[in-house]
């Protein structure tokens, strides 16, 4: 199954998005510190094998958020570190910017859901529980502000070239009709079924049987 990714506009952000971007950046920075603290505590408590995939998913979300805000003054140093090491192929192909917004939002939302479903019973284990709750809250806040930013910058339906289904199951641009092709088909069929001028059926004299 393929999840369609909506196209994000290029260029500067629309007016009124600066505050949302700032809050989103703060939540990503909180994810970095709380996720890092959760990893350290898991290692010290010998629970890294249990929490490994959750920590890996948090790291992927952090990488997406960093690439999304790669030009930010507070995240640029971390982005440069990633772009020169494990994420060098992504940086060389020009990945980053607002095109990472929707994947970041989906990935982080999945992390929140799985942490709540699978690890909520470990909240009482201290100090792991503190970083578990903190990382989940930071991710949930990041998802909220990512959705808010997505709502502000996504293209409106009027700006996209829509398609509608016309009669006969054919897709075409809105406002077009398939009457002309159908008429041409009918005309061609009529011409192909008309008898030619050199032959007429049931003409001439026939012979009776036995005559």
Protein backbone atom coordinates (compact mmCIF):
# COMPACT_ATOMS: atom_id res chain seq x y z
CA UNK A 1 0.00 0.00 0.00
CA UNK A 2 1.30 3.43 -0.96
CA UNK A 3 0.34 6.51 1.05
CA UNK A 4 0.01 9.52 -1.30
CA UNK A 5 2.12 12.43 -0.16
CA UNK A 6 0.59 15.87 -0.74
CA UNK A 7 2.76 18.31 -2.65
CA UNK A 8 4.15 21.06 -0.46
CA UNK A 9 4.73 24.55 -1.89
CA UNK A 10 8.26 25.81 -2.41
CA UNK A 11 9.58 29.19 -1.45
CA UNK A 12 9.06 31.31 1.66
CA UNK A 13 6.42 30.50 4.22
CA UNK A 14 3.08 32.30 3.99
CA UNK A 15 2.50 35.14 6.46
CA UNK A 16 1.43 34.04 9.91
CA UNK A 17 3.40 30.77 9.97
CA UNK A 18 6.47 32.02 11.84
CA UNK A 19 4.97 31.42 15.28
CA UNK A 20 3.90 27.88 14.41
CA UNK A 21 7.35 27.07 12.99
CA UNK A 22 8.99 28.37 16.15
CA UNK A 23 6.78 26.19 18.37
CA UNK A 24 7.44 23.20 16.11
CA UNK A 25 11.18 23.79 16.37
CA UNK A 26 10.96 23.94 20.16
CA UNK A 27 9.12 20.62 20.27
CA UNK A 28 11.74 19.01 18.00
CA UNK A 29 14.53 20.23 20.26
CA UNK A 30 12.62 18.77 23.23
CA UNK A 31 12.41 15.48 21.32
CA UNK A 32 16.20 15.54 20.88
CA UNK A 33 16.96 16.02 24.58
CA UNK A 34 14.23 13.78 25.98
CA UNK A 35 14.85 11.07 23.38
CA UNK A 36 18.56 11.19 24.13
CA UNK A 37 17.88 11.00 27.86
CA UNK A 38 15.54 8.06 27.30
CA UNK A 39 18.27 6.24 25.34
CA UNK A 40 20.88 6.86 28.06
CA UNK A 41 18.56 5.69 30.83
CA UNK A 42 17.61 2.59 28.83
CA UNK A 43 21.29 1.71 28.42
CA UNK A 44 22.06 2.24 32.11
CA UNK A 45 19.06 0.18 33.20
CA UNK A 46 19.80 -2.62 30.74
CA UNK A 47 16.52 -2.12 28.87
CA UNK A 48 17.93 -0.94 25.55
CA UNK A 49 17.01 -4.23 23.85
CA UNK A 50 13.37 -3.69 24.85
CA UNK A 51 13.28 -0.04 23.81
CA UNK A 52 15.59 -0.26 20.78
CA UNK A 53 13.04 0.04 17.98
CA UNK A 54 11.14 2.81 19.75
CA UNK A 55 14.39 4.76 20.14
CA UNK A 56 15.22 4.13 16.49
CA UNK A 57 11.83 5.50 15.41
CA UNK A 58 12.31 8.57 17.58
CA UNK A 59 15.70 9.14 15.98
CA UNK A 60 14.16 8.89 12.48
CA UNK A 61 11.52 11.46 13.46
CA UNK A 62 14.22 13.76 14.81
CA UNK A 63 16.20 13.42 11.57
CA UNK A 64 13.08 14.27 9.53
CA UNK A 65 12.38 17.29 11.72
CA UNK A 66 15.98 18.47 11.47
CA UNK A 67 15.97 18.17 7.67
CA UNK A 68 12.65 19.98 7.58
CA UNK A 69 14.13 22.95 9.49
CA UNK A 70 17.67 22.60 8.14
CA UNK A 71 18.07 26.37 7.67
CA UNK A 72 17.14 27.18 11.26
CA UNK A 73 19.96 28.71 13.26
CA UNK A 74 19.48 26.34 16.21
CA UNK A 75 19.24 23.12 14.17
CA UNK A 76 21.72 23.91 11.40
CA UNK A 77 24.72 22.53 13.31
CA UNK A 78 22.93 19.23 13.93
CA UNK A 79 21.81 19.15 10.29
CA UNK A 80 25.38 19.69 9.09
CA UNK A 81 26.53 16.82 11.30
CA UNK A 82 23.89 14.51 9.84
CA UNK A 83 24.51 15.70 6.27
CA UNK A 84 28.22 14.87 6.54
CA UNK A 85 27.72 11.44 8.14
CA UNK A 86 24.88 8.92 8.07
CA UNK A 87 22.44 11.16 6.15
CA UNK A 88 24.87 12.28 3.46
CA UNK A 89 22.94 10.59 0.57
CA UNK A 90 19.75 12.43 1.57
CA UNK A 91 21.56 15.76 1.75
CA UNK A 92 23.24 15.23 -1.62
CA UNK A 93 19.91 14.57 -3.32
CA UNK A 94 18.43 17.78 -1.94
CA UNK A 95 16.08 16.27 0.61
CA UNK A 96 14.74 18.62 3.22
CA UNK A 97 12.49 21.60 3.70
CA UNK A 98 8.71 21.48 3.73
CA UNK A 99 8.63 18.23 1.76
CA UNK A 100 9.58 16.50 5.04
CA UNK A 101 6.62 17.97 6.94
CA UNK A 102 4.00 15.35 6.13
CA UNK A 103 6.32 12.30 6.58
CA UNK A 104 7.55 13.79 9.88
CA UNK A 105 3.99 14.23 11.10
CA UNK A 106 2.94 10.68 10.19
CA UNK A 107 6.09 9.05 11.60
CA UNK A 108 5.92 10.97 14.87
CA UNK A 109 2.22 10.23 15.29
CA UNK A 110 2.93 6.51 14.90
CA UNK A 111 5.62 6.76 17.58
CA UNK A 112 3.15 8.34 20.00
CA UNK A 113 0.51 5.69 19.35
CA UNK A 114 2.89 2.72 19.74
CA UNK A 115 4.52 4.14 22.89
CA UNK A 116 1.12 4.60 24.51
CA UNK A 117 -0.12 1.16 23.53
CA UNK A 118 3.04 -0.83 24.29
CA UNK A 119 4.91 1.04 27.03
CA UNK A 120 2.35 2.82 29.17
CA UNK A 121 2.73 0.15 31.87
CA UNK A 122 6.44 1.07 32.32
CA UNK A 123 5.73 4.64 33.42
CA UNK A 124 6.22 3.68 37.08
CA UNK A 125 9.80 2.50 36.48
CA UNK A 126 11.99 5.45 37.45
CA UNK A 127 13.81 7.31 36.05
CA UNK A 128 12.84 5.65 32.74
CA UNK A 129 9.21 6.66 33.19
CA UNK A 130 10.09 10.36 33.34
CA UNK A 131 11.83 10.30 29.97
CA UNK A 132 9.16 8.02 28.49
CA UNK A 133 6.37 10.43 29.38
CA UNK A 134 8.49 13.43 28.38
CA UNK A 135 9.36 12.01 24.96
CA UNK A 136 5.74 11.05 24.26
CA UNK A 137 4.49 14.51 25.23
CA UNK A 138 7.17 16.21 23.11
CA UNK A 139 6.24 14.07 20.11
CA UNK A 140 2.52 14.72 20.58
CA UNK A 141 3.13 18.47 20.72
CA UNK A 142 5.30 18.23 17.59
CA UNK A 143 2.51 16.40 15.76
CA UNK A 144 0.01 19.09 16.76
CA UNK A 145 2.12 21.98 15.51
CA UNK A 146 3.13 20.05 12.37
CA UNK A 147 -0.56 19.56 11.58
CA UNK A 148 -1.25 23.22 12.26
CA UNK A 149 1.54 24.24 9.88
CA UNK A 150 0.32 21.74 7.28
CA UNK A 151 -3.15 23.28 7.42
CA UNK A 152 -1.71 26.73 6.74
CA UNK A 153 0.60 25.92 3.83
CA UNK A 154 -1.11 23.11 1.94
CA UNK A 155 -2.41 24.09 -1.52
CA UNK A 156 -6.09 24.94 -1.73
CA UNK A 157 -8.34 22.84 -4.00
CA UNK A 158 -8.84 25.85 -6.30
CA UNK A 159 -5.10 26.04 -6.96
CA UNK A 160 -4.76 22.43 -8.07
CA UNK A 161 -5.86 21.20 -11.46
CA UNK A 162 -8.74 18.92 -10.63
CA UNK A 163 -10.04 16.00 -12.64
CA UNK A 164 -13.55 14.68 -12.78
CA UNK A 165 -15.05 11.43 -14.05
CA UNK A 166 -17.11 11.91 -17.17
CA UNK A 167 -19.68 9.52 -18.60
CA UNK A 168 -18.42 6.16 -19.78
CA UNK A 169 -15.76 5.85 -17.08
CA UNK A 170 -13.22 8.17 -18.72
CA UNK A 171 -11.19 10.63 -16.66
CA UNK A 172 -10.62 14.07 -18.04
CA UNK A 173 -10.20 17.71 -16.99
CA UNK A 174 -13.20 19.33 -15.38
CA UNK A 175 -15.63 20.88 -17.87
CA UNK A 176 -14.66 18.67 -20.83
CA UNK A 177 -17.04 16.30 -22.55
CA UNK A 178 -16.60 13.15 -24.55
CA UNK A 179 -19.50 13.89 -26.92
CA UNK A 180 -17.15 14.84 -29.74
CA UNK A 181 -15.11 11.60 -29.67
CA UNK A 182 -18.31 9.61 -29.31
CA UNK A 183 -19.90 11.41 -32.27
CA UNK A 184 -16.83 10.74 -34.37
CA UNK A 185 -16.96 7.09 -33.45
CA UNK A 186 -20.61 6.88 -34.38
CA UNK A 187 -19.98 8.61 -37.71
CA UNK A 188 -17.14 6.25 -38.51
CA UNK A 189 -19.27 3.27 -37.62
CA UNK A 190 -22.11 4.55 -39.79
CA UNK A 191 -19.76 4.99 -42.73
CA UNK A 192 -18.23 1.55 -42.27
CA UNK A 193 -21.66 -0.16 -42.23
CA UNK A 194 -23.14 1.63 -45.27
CA UNK A 195 -23.23 -0.59 -48.40
CA UNK A 196 -20.93 0.50 -51.18
CA UNK A 197 -22.35 1.89 -54.39
CA UNK A 198 -21.08 -1.03 -56.52
CA UNK A 199 -23.09 -3.72 -54.81
CA UNK A 200 -26.77 -4.00 -53.98
CA UNK A 201 -28.21 -6.96 -52.19
CA UNK A 202 -30.93 -9.12 -53.75
CA UNK A 203 -30.58 -7.65 -57.26
CA UNK A 204 -30.66 -9.47 -60.60
CA UNK A 205 -32.42 -12.59 -61.75
CA UNK A 206 -32.22 -15.78 -59.81
CA UNK A 207 -32.71 -19.38 -60.80
CA UNK A 208 -35.44 -21.55 -59.43
CA UNK A 209 -34.54 -24.94 -58.07
CA UNK A 210 -35.45 -27.62 -60.57
CA UNK A 211 -35.80 -25.17 -63.50
